[in-house]
């Protein structure tokens, strides 16, 4: 997959708006959907399988712990601006914590989703794809034990 994957999804956001004024939770809301679509598409492209199997495969990428691990793994590769987006997302008060997630992991996952949403709204699809490739690599390396 490449950046054109997202160009088809994106429609209607006025890039003249100051992205830095968008709530980090709104960025995370959109980032969650973008990341989920990317992971589902990637997994489905690996071959047909029953939907419950596809869902099980995707969970290891989208659960809060995985996203927290991703943020920790990519932080050194992020620009200052990107780190600030993650920090804002991590520190945002969401009001709820899923019952299957540790609070700290959930906060870092929100930071990751904020970064994805930020890059999406910014229409920086090339960088978005770089971050997503790093994310997949981190989870695959964890699976293989490297």
N, C-alpha and C. Protein backbone atom coordinates (compact mmCIF):
# COMPACT_ATOMS: atom_id res chain seq x y z
N UNK A 1 0.84 -1.18 0.00
CA UNK A 1 0.00 0.00 0.00
C UNK A 1 0.89 1.24 0.00
N UNK A 2 0.34 2.33 -0.51
CA UNK A 2 1.08 3.57 -0.51
C UNK A 2 0.17 4.72 -0.11
N UNK A 3 0.69 5.93 -0.22
CA UNK A 3 -0.03 7.12 0.25
C UNK A 3 -1.35 7.33 -0.48
N UNK A 4 -1.50 6.83 -1.68
CA UNK A 4 -2.74 7.01 -2.43
C UNK A 4 -3.93 6.35 -1.74
N UNK A 5 -3.65 5.38 -0.88
CA UNK A 5 -4.70 4.73 -0.10
C UNK A 5 -5.51 5.79 0.66
N UNK A 6 -4.83 6.76 1.25
CA UNK A 6 -5.50 7.76 2.06
C UNK A 6 -6.07 8.91 1.26
N UNK A 7 -5.51 9.18 0.11
CA UNK A 7 -6.03 10.27 -0.71
C UNK A 7 -7.48 10.02 -1.09
N UNK A 8 -7.84 8.75 -1.30
CA UNK A 8 -9.21 8.42 -1.63
C UNK A 8 -10.16 8.56 -0.45
N UNK A 9 -9.66 8.35 0.76
CA UNK A 9 -10.49 8.49 1.95
C UNK A 9 -10.72 9.93 2.33
N UNK A 10 -9.73 10.76 2.05
CA UNK A 10 -9.75 12.14 2.52
C UNK A 10 -10.65 12.98 1.65
N UNK A 11 -11.58 13.70 2.27
CA UNK A 11 -12.45 14.57 1.52
C UNK A 11 -13.05 15.62 2.44
N UNK A 12 -12.80 16.87 2.15
CA UNK A 12 -13.55 17.91 2.83
C UNK A 12 -12.86 18.69 3.92
N UNK A 13 -11.73 18.25 4.41
CA UNK A 13 -11.08 19.05 5.45
C UNK A 13 -10.35 20.20 4.80
N UNK A 14 -10.63 21.40 5.27
CA UNK A 14 -10.00 22.59 4.73
C UNK A 14 -8.62 22.73 5.34
N UNK A 15 -7.59 22.53 4.54
CA UNK A 15 -6.22 22.56 5.03
C UNK A 15 -5.81 23.94 5.52
N UNK A 16 -6.63 24.97 5.23
CA UNK A 16 -6.32 26.31 5.72
C UNK A 16 -6.60 26.42 7.21
N UNK A 17 -7.43 25.53 7.73
CA UNK A 17 -7.69 25.51 9.17
C UNK A 17 -6.38 25.22 9.90
N UNK A 18 -6.21 25.80 11.05
CA UNK A 18 -5.01 25.53 11.82
C UNK A 18 -5.16 24.18 12.52
N UNK A 19 -4.44 23.22 12.04
CA UNK A 19 -4.53 21.85 12.57
C UNK A 19 -4.17 21.82 14.05
N UNK A 20 -3.29 22.71 14.47
CA UNK A 20 -2.88 22.73 15.88
C UNK A 20 -4.00 23.17 16.82
N UNK A 21 -5.09 23.72 16.27
CA UNK A 21 -6.22 24.12 17.10
C UNK A 21 -7.25 23.00 17.26
N UNK A 22 -7.09 21.92 16.50
CA UNK A 22 -8.01 20.80 16.61
C UNK A 22 -7.70 20.05 17.90
N UNK A 23 -8.73 19.73 18.63
CA UNK A 23 -8.58 18.98 19.88
C UNK A 23 -7.81 17.68 19.63
N UNK A 24 -6.88 17.35 20.52
CA UNK A 24 -6.16 16.09 20.35
C UNK A 24 -7.09 14.88 20.36
N UNK A 25 -8.22 14.99 21.04
CA UNK A 25 -9.16 13.87 21.05
C UNK A 25 -9.89 13.74 19.72
N UNK A 26 -10.09 14.85 19.03
CA UNK A 26 -10.66 14.80 17.67
C UNK A 26 -9.63 14.18 16.73
N UNK A 27 -8.38 14.59 16.87
CA UNK A 27 -7.31 13.98 16.07
C UNK A 27 -7.27 12.48 16.31
N UNK A 28 -7.37 12.08 17.59
CA UNK A 28 -7.33 10.65 17.94
C UNK A 28 -8.54 9.92 17.38
N UNK A 29 -9.69 10.56 17.42
CA UNK A 29 -10.92 9.96 16.90
C UNK A 29 -10.76 9.61 15.41
N UNK A 30 -10.24 10.56 14.65
CA UNK A 30 -10.02 10.33 13.22
C UNK A 30 -8.84 9.39 13.03
N UNK A 31 -7.78 9.59 13.81
CA UNK A 31 -6.60 8.73 13.69
C UNK A 31 -6.91 7.28 13.95
N UNK A 32 -7.79 7.02 14.91
CA UNK A 32 -8.21 5.64 15.20
C UNK A 32 -8.85 5.01 13.97
N UNK A 33 -9.72 5.75 13.31
CA UNK A 33 -10.40 5.23 12.11
C UNK A 33 -9.42 5.02 10.96
N UNK A 34 -8.51 5.95 10.78
CA UNK A 34 -7.52 5.84 9.70
C UNK A 34 -6.62 4.62 9.95
N UNK A 35 -6.14 4.49 11.19
CA UNK A 35 -5.26 3.37 11.53
C UNK A 35 -5.99 2.04 11.37
N UNK A 36 -7.21 1.99 11.86
CA UNK A 36 -8.02 0.76 11.75
C UNK A 36 -8.23 0.40 10.28
N UNK A 37 -8.57 1.37 9.46
CA UNK A 37 -8.77 1.10 8.02
C UNK A 37 -7.49 0.59 7.38
N UNK A 38 -6.37 1.20 7.74
CA UNK A 38 -5.08 0.77 7.20
C UNK A 38 -4.78 -0.67 7.59
N UNK A 39 -4.91 -0.98 8.88
CA UNK A 39 -4.60 -2.32 9.38
C UNK A 39 -5.55 -3.35 8.76
N UNK A 40 -6.84 -3.05 8.73
CA UNK A 40 -7.80 -4.01 8.16
C UNK A 40 -7.51 -4.26 6.69
N UNK A 41 -7.20 -3.19 5.96
CA UNK A 41 -6.90 -3.34 4.54
C UNK A 41 -5.65 -4.17 4.34
N UNK A 42 -4.64 -3.89 5.15
CA UNK A 42 -3.37 -4.62 5.05
C UNK A 42 -3.57 -6.11 5.34
N UNK A 43 -4.31 -6.40 6.40
CA UNK A 43 -4.55 -7.80 6.77
C UNK A 43 -5.41 -8.50 5.73
N UNK A 44 -6.45 -7.83 5.25
CA UNK A 44 -7.31 -8.44 4.23
C UNK A 44 -6.53 -8.70 2.94
N UNK A 45 -5.56 -7.85 2.64
CA UNK A 45 -4.78 -8.01 1.41
C UNK A 45 -3.81 -9.19 1.49
N UNK A 46 -3.60 -9.72 2.69
CA UNK A 46 -2.70 -10.86 2.86
C UNK A 46 -3.37 -12.17 2.44
N UNK A 47 -4.66 -12.13 2.19
CA UNK A 47 -5.37 -13.32 1.73
C UNK A 47 -6.71 -13.49 2.41
N UNK A 48 -7.61 -14.17 1.72
CA UNK A 48 -8.94 -14.42 2.27
C UNK A 48 -8.86 -15.27 3.52
N UNK A 49 -9.70 -14.95 4.45
CA UNK A 49 -9.83 -15.71 5.68
C UNK A 49 -11.19 -15.37 6.27
N UNK A 50 -11.69 -16.22 7.14
CA UNK A 50 -12.94 -15.87 7.81
C UNK A 50 -12.78 -14.55 8.58
N UNK A 51 -13.85 -13.79 8.65
CA UNK A 51 -13.81 -12.47 9.27
C UNK A 51 -13.31 -12.53 10.71
N UNK A 52 -13.71 -13.54 11.47
CA UNK A 52 -13.26 -13.61 12.86
C UNK A 52 -11.73 -13.81 12.93
N UNK A 53 -11.15 -14.49 11.96
CA UNK A 53 -9.69 -14.65 11.91
C UNK A 53 -9.04 -13.31 11.56
N UNK A 54 -9.61 -12.61 10.59
CA UNK A 54 -9.09 -11.28 10.24
C UNK A 54 -9.15 -10.35 11.45
N UNK A 55 -10.25 -10.42 12.18
CA UNK A 55 -10.40 -9.58 13.37
C UNK A 55 -9.33 -9.92 14.42
N UNK A 56 -9.11 -11.20 14.65
CA UNK A 56 -8.08 -11.61 15.62
C UNK A 56 -6.70 -11.12 15.20
N UNK A 57 -6.41 -11.18 13.90
CA UNK A 57 -5.12 -10.69 13.41
C UNK A 57 -4.98 -9.19 13.60
N UNK A 58 -6.06 -8.46 13.40
CA UNK A 58 -5.99 -7.00 13.51
C UNK A 58 -5.87 -6.53 14.95
N UNK A 59 -6.43 -7.27 15.88
CA UNK A 59 -6.41 -6.86 17.29
C UNK A 59 -4.99 -6.64 17.79
N UNK A 60 -4.06 -7.49 17.38
CA UNK A 60 -2.69 -7.35 17.89
C UNK A 60 -2.05 -6.03 17.46
N UNK A 61 -2.59 -5.38 16.43
CA UNK A 61 -2.07 -4.09 15.97
C UNK A 61 -2.80 -2.90 16.58
N UNK A 62 -4.10 -3.08 16.86
CA UNK A 62 -4.91 -1.92 17.24
C UNK A 62 -5.21 -1.80 18.73
N UNK A 63 -4.91 -2.83 19.51
CA UNK A 63 -5.18 -2.72 20.95
C UNK A 63 -4.28 -1.66 21.58
N UNK A 64 -4.71 -1.13 22.71
CA UNK A 64 -4.00 -0.04 23.36
C UNK A 64 -2.55 -0.38 23.67
N UNK A 65 -2.29 -1.58 24.15
CA UNK A 65 -0.92 -1.96 24.48
C UNK A 65 -0.04 -1.91 23.24
N UNK A 66 -0.53 -2.41 22.12
CA UNK A 66 0.25 -2.39 20.88
C UNK A 66 0.54 -0.96 20.46
N UNK A 67 -0.45 -0.10 20.51
CA UNK A 67 -0.25 1.29 20.12
C UNK A 67 0.71 2.00 21.07
N UNK A 68 0.64 1.68 22.34
CA UNK A 68 1.58 2.23 23.32
C UNK A 68 3.00 1.78 22.99
N UNK A 69 3.15 0.50 22.70
CA UNK A 69 4.47 -0.02 22.32
C UNK A 69 4.99 0.66 21.06
N UNK A 70 4.09 0.91 20.11
CA UNK A 70 4.47 1.59 18.87
C UNK A 70 5.01 2.98 19.17
N UNK A 71 4.27 3.74 19.98
CA UNK A 71 4.71 5.11 20.31
C UNK A 71 6.10 5.08 20.93
N UNK A 72 6.31 4.19 21.87
CA UNK A 72 7.63 4.10 22.50
C UNK A 72 8.71 3.72 21.50
N UNK A 73 8.34 2.88 20.54
CA UNK A 73 9.31 2.43 19.54
C UNK A 73 9.64 3.46 18.48
N UNK A 74 8.72 4.38 18.20
CA UNK A 74 8.96 5.35 17.12
C UNK A 74 9.35 6.73 17.62
N UNK A 75 9.24 6.98 18.91
CA UNK A 75 9.44 8.34 19.45
C UNK A 75 10.75 8.97 18.97
N UNK A 76 11.81 8.21 18.93
CA UNK A 76 13.10 8.74 18.49
C UNK A 76 13.14 9.10 17.02
N UNK A 77 12.18 8.62 16.26
CA UNK A 77 12.10 8.91 14.83
C UNK A 77 11.12 10.03 14.50
N UNK A 78 10.52 10.61 15.52
CA UNK A 78 9.54 11.67 15.30
C UNK A 78 10.19 13.03 15.39
N UNK A 79 9.67 13.96 14.60
CA UNK A 79 10.12 15.35 14.69
C UNK A 79 9.60 15.93 16.00
N UNK A 80 10.12 17.09 16.37
CA UNK A 80 9.65 17.76 17.59
C UNK A 80 8.15 18.02 17.49
N UNK A 81 7.71 18.48 16.33
CA UNK A 81 6.29 18.77 16.10
C UNK A 81 5.44 17.52 16.31
N UNK A 82 5.89 16.40 15.77
CA UNK A 82 5.16 15.14 15.91
C UNK A 82 5.15 14.67 17.36
N UNK A 83 6.27 14.83 18.06
CA UNK A 83 6.33 14.47 19.48
C UNK A 83 5.35 15.31 20.29
N UNK A 84 5.21 16.57 19.93
CA UNK A 84 4.26 17.45 20.62
C UNK A 84 2.82 16.99 20.41
N UNK A 85 2.51 16.55 19.20
CA UNK A 85 1.16 16.03 18.93
C UNK A 85 0.91 14.80 19.79
N UNK A 86 1.88 13.91 19.88
CA UNK A 86 1.74 12.71 20.71
C UNK A 86 1.55 13.12 22.17
N UNK A 87 2.35 14.07 22.63
CA UNK A 87 2.25 14.54 24.02
C UNK A 87 0.87 15.13 24.31
N UNK A 88 0.38 15.96 23.40
CA UNK A 88 -0.95 16.56 23.57
C UNK A 88 -2.02 15.48 23.63
N UNK A 89 -1.91 14.49 22.75
CA UNK A 89 -2.88 13.40 22.75
C UNK A 89 -2.81 12.56 24.01
N UNK A 90 -1.59 12.30 24.44
CA UNK A 90 -1.38 11.50 25.64
C UNK A 90 -1.94 12.20 26.88
N UNK A 91 -1.83 13.52 26.92
CA UNK A 91 -2.26 14.27 28.10
C UNK A 91 -3.72 14.70 28.06
N UNK A 92 -4.41 14.47 26.96
CA UNK A 92 -5.81 14.86 26.84
C UNK A 92 -6.68 14.06 27.82
N UNK A 93 -7.66 14.72 28.36
CA UNK A 93 -8.58 14.07 29.30
C UNK A 93 -9.74 13.45 28.52
N UNK A 94 -9.72 12.14 28.39
CA UNK A 94 -10.72 11.47 27.56
C UNK A 94 -12.00 11.15 28.30
N UNK A 95 -11.96 11.04 29.59
CA UNK A 95 -13.17 10.75 30.36
C UNK A 95 -13.42 9.28 30.60
N UNK A 96 -13.00 8.43 29.69
CA UNK A 96 -13.21 6.99 29.88
C UNK A 96 -11.94 6.22 29.54
N UNK A 97 -11.78 5.10 30.20
CA UNK A 97 -10.67 4.19 29.94
C UNK A 97 -11.30 2.81 29.69
N UNK A 98 -10.99 2.18 28.57
CA UNK A 98 -11.55 0.84 28.33
C UNK A 98 -11.15 -0.14 29.44
N UNK A 99 -12.03 -1.06 29.72
CA UNK A 99 -11.78 -1.99 30.82
C UNK A 99 -10.61 -2.94 30.56
N UNK A 100 -10.25 -3.15 29.30
CA UNK A 100 -9.15 -4.07 28.97
C UNK A 100 -7.82 -3.37 28.77
N UNK A 101 -7.71 -2.11 29.15
CA UNK A 101 -6.47 -1.37 28.90
C UNK A 101 -5.95 -0.74 30.19
N UNK A 102 -4.66 -0.77 30.33
CA UNK A 102 -3.96 -0.06 31.39
C UNK A 102 -4.07 1.44 31.09
N UNK A 103 -4.24 2.27 32.11
CA UNK A 103 -4.44 3.71 31.92
C UNK A 103 -3.26 4.34 31.16
N UNK A 104 -2.05 4.01 31.54
CA UNK A 104 -0.87 4.58 30.88
C UNK A 104 -0.80 4.14 29.42
N UNK A 105 -1.04 2.86 29.16
CA UNK A 105 -1.04 2.37 27.78
C UNK A 105 -2.11 3.08 26.96
N UNK A 106 -3.27 3.26 27.56
CA UNK A 106 -4.37 3.92 26.86
C UNK A 106 -4.01 5.36 26.50
N UNK A 107 -3.34 6.04 27.40
CA UNK A 107 -2.94 7.43 27.14
C UNK A 107 -1.92 7.50 26.00
N UNK A 108 -0.95 6.59 26.00
CA UNK A 108 0.02 6.56 24.91
C UNK A 108 -0.65 6.17 23.59
N UNK A 109 -1.62 5.26 23.65
CA UNK A 109 -2.36 4.87 22.45
C UNK A 109 -3.11 6.07 21.89
N UNK A 110 -3.69 6.87 22.77
CA UNK A 110 -4.38 8.08 22.33
C UNK A 110 -3.40 9.05 21.68
N UNK A 111 -2.20 9.13 22.22
CA UNK A 111 -1.15 9.96 21.61
C UNK A 111 -0.81 9.47 20.21
N UNK A 112 -0.70 8.16 20.05
CA UNK A 112 -0.42 7.58 18.73
C UNK A 112 -1.54 7.89 17.75
N UNK A 113 -2.77 7.69 18.17
CA UNK A 113 -3.91 7.96 17.31
C UNK A 113 -3.99 9.44 16.96
N UNK A 114 -3.63 10.31 17.90
CA UNK A 114 -3.60 11.75 17.62
C UNK A 114 -2.60 12.07 16.52
N UNK A 115 -1.44 11.42 16.58
CA UNK A 115 -0.42 11.63 15.55
C UNK A 115 -0.93 11.19 14.19
N UNK A 116 -1.59 10.04 14.13
CA UNK A 116 -2.13 9.54 12.87
C UNK A 116 -3.18 10.52 12.32
N UNK A 117 -4.07 10.98 13.19
CA UNK A 117 -5.09 11.95 12.77
C UNK A 117 -4.48 13.27 12.32
N UNK A 118 -3.45 13.70 13.02
CA UNK A 118 -2.76 14.94 12.67
C UNK A 118 -2.15 14.85 11.27
N UNK A 119 -1.42 13.79 11.01
CA UNK A 119 -0.79 13.62 9.69
C UNK A 119 -1.84 13.48 8.59
N UNK A 120 -2.95 12.85 8.92
CA UNK A 120 -4.04 12.70 7.96
C UNK A 120 -4.65 14.05 7.62
N UNK A 121 -5.01 14.83 8.65
CA UNK A 121 -5.58 16.16 8.41
C UNK A 121 -4.60 17.08 7.70
N UNK A 122 -3.34 16.90 7.99
CA UNK A 122 -2.29 17.72 7.37
C UNK A 122 -2.06 17.32 5.92
N UNK A 123 -2.63 16.19 5.53
CA UNK A 123 -2.46 15.61 4.19
C UNK A 123 -1.01 15.26 3.91
N UNK A 124 -0.29 14.91 4.97
CA UNK A 124 1.11 14.48 4.82
C UNK A 124 1.10 12.95 4.72
N UNK A 125 0.57 12.47 3.60
CA UNK A 125 0.36 11.04 3.43
C UNK A 125 1.67 10.27 3.34
N UNK A 126 2.70 10.89 2.81
CA UNK A 126 4.00 10.21 2.74
C UNK A 126 4.51 9.91 4.15
N UNK A 127 4.47 10.91 5.02
CA UNK A 127 4.92 10.71 6.40
C UNK A 127 3.99 9.76 7.14
N UNK A 128 2.71 9.87 6.88
CA UNK A 128 1.74 8.97 7.49
C UNK A 128 2.08 7.52 7.16
N UNK A 129 2.40 7.26 5.91
CA UNK A 129 2.74 5.90 5.50
C UNK A 129 4.05 5.44 6.14
N UNK A 130 5.00 6.36 6.33
CA UNK A 130 6.26 6.00 7.02
C UNK A 130 5.97 5.58 8.46
N UNK A 131 5.14 6.35 9.14
CA UNK A 131 4.78 6.03 10.53
C UNK A 131 4.04 4.70 10.59
N UNK A 132 3.10 4.49 9.69
CA UNK A 132 2.34 3.24 9.68
C UNK A 132 3.24 2.04 9.39
N UNK A 133 4.20 2.21 8.50
CA UNK A 133 5.15 1.12 8.22
C UNK A 133 5.98 0.81 9.46
N UNK A 134 6.41 1.84 10.18
CA UNK A 134 7.16 1.62 11.42
C UNK A 134 6.29 0.88 12.43
N UNK A 135 5.02 1.27 12.52
CA UNK A 135 4.10 0.64 13.47
C UNK A 135 3.96 -0.85 13.19
N UNK A 136 3.73 -1.19 11.95
CA UNK A 136 3.57 -2.60 11.57
C UNK A 136 4.86 -3.36 11.85
N UNK A 137 5.98 -2.75 11.54
CA UNK A 137 7.28 -3.40 11.77
C UNK A 137 7.50 -3.70 13.25
N UNK A 138 7.16 -2.76 14.10
CA UNK A 138 7.32 -2.96 15.54
C UNK A 138 6.50 -4.14 16.02
N UNK A 139 5.24 -4.21 15.61
CA UNK A 139 4.37 -5.30 16.07
C UNK A 139 4.84 -6.64 15.48
N UNK A 140 5.23 -6.65 14.22
CA UNK A 140 5.73 -7.89 13.62
C UNK A 140 7.00 -8.36 14.30
N UNK A 141 7.88 -7.42 14.66
CA UNK A 141 9.11 -7.80 15.38
C UNK A 141 8.79 -8.36 16.75
N UNK A 142 7.79 -7.82 17.42
CA UNK A 142 7.38 -8.36 18.72
C UNK A 142 6.87 -9.79 18.56
N UNK A 143 6.11 -10.02 17.50
CA UNK A 143 5.57 -11.36 17.24
C UNK A 143 6.69 -12.38 17.03
N UNK A 144 7.70 -11.96 16.28
CA UNK A 144 8.77 -12.89 15.96
C UNK A 144 9.84 -12.96 17.05
N UNK A 145 9.70 -12.10 18.06
CA UNK A 145 10.63 -12.12 19.18
C UNK A 145 11.95 -11.43 18.92
N UNK A 146 11.98 -10.56 17.90
CA UNK A 146 13.25 -9.84 17.64
C UNK A 146 13.19 -8.44 18.16
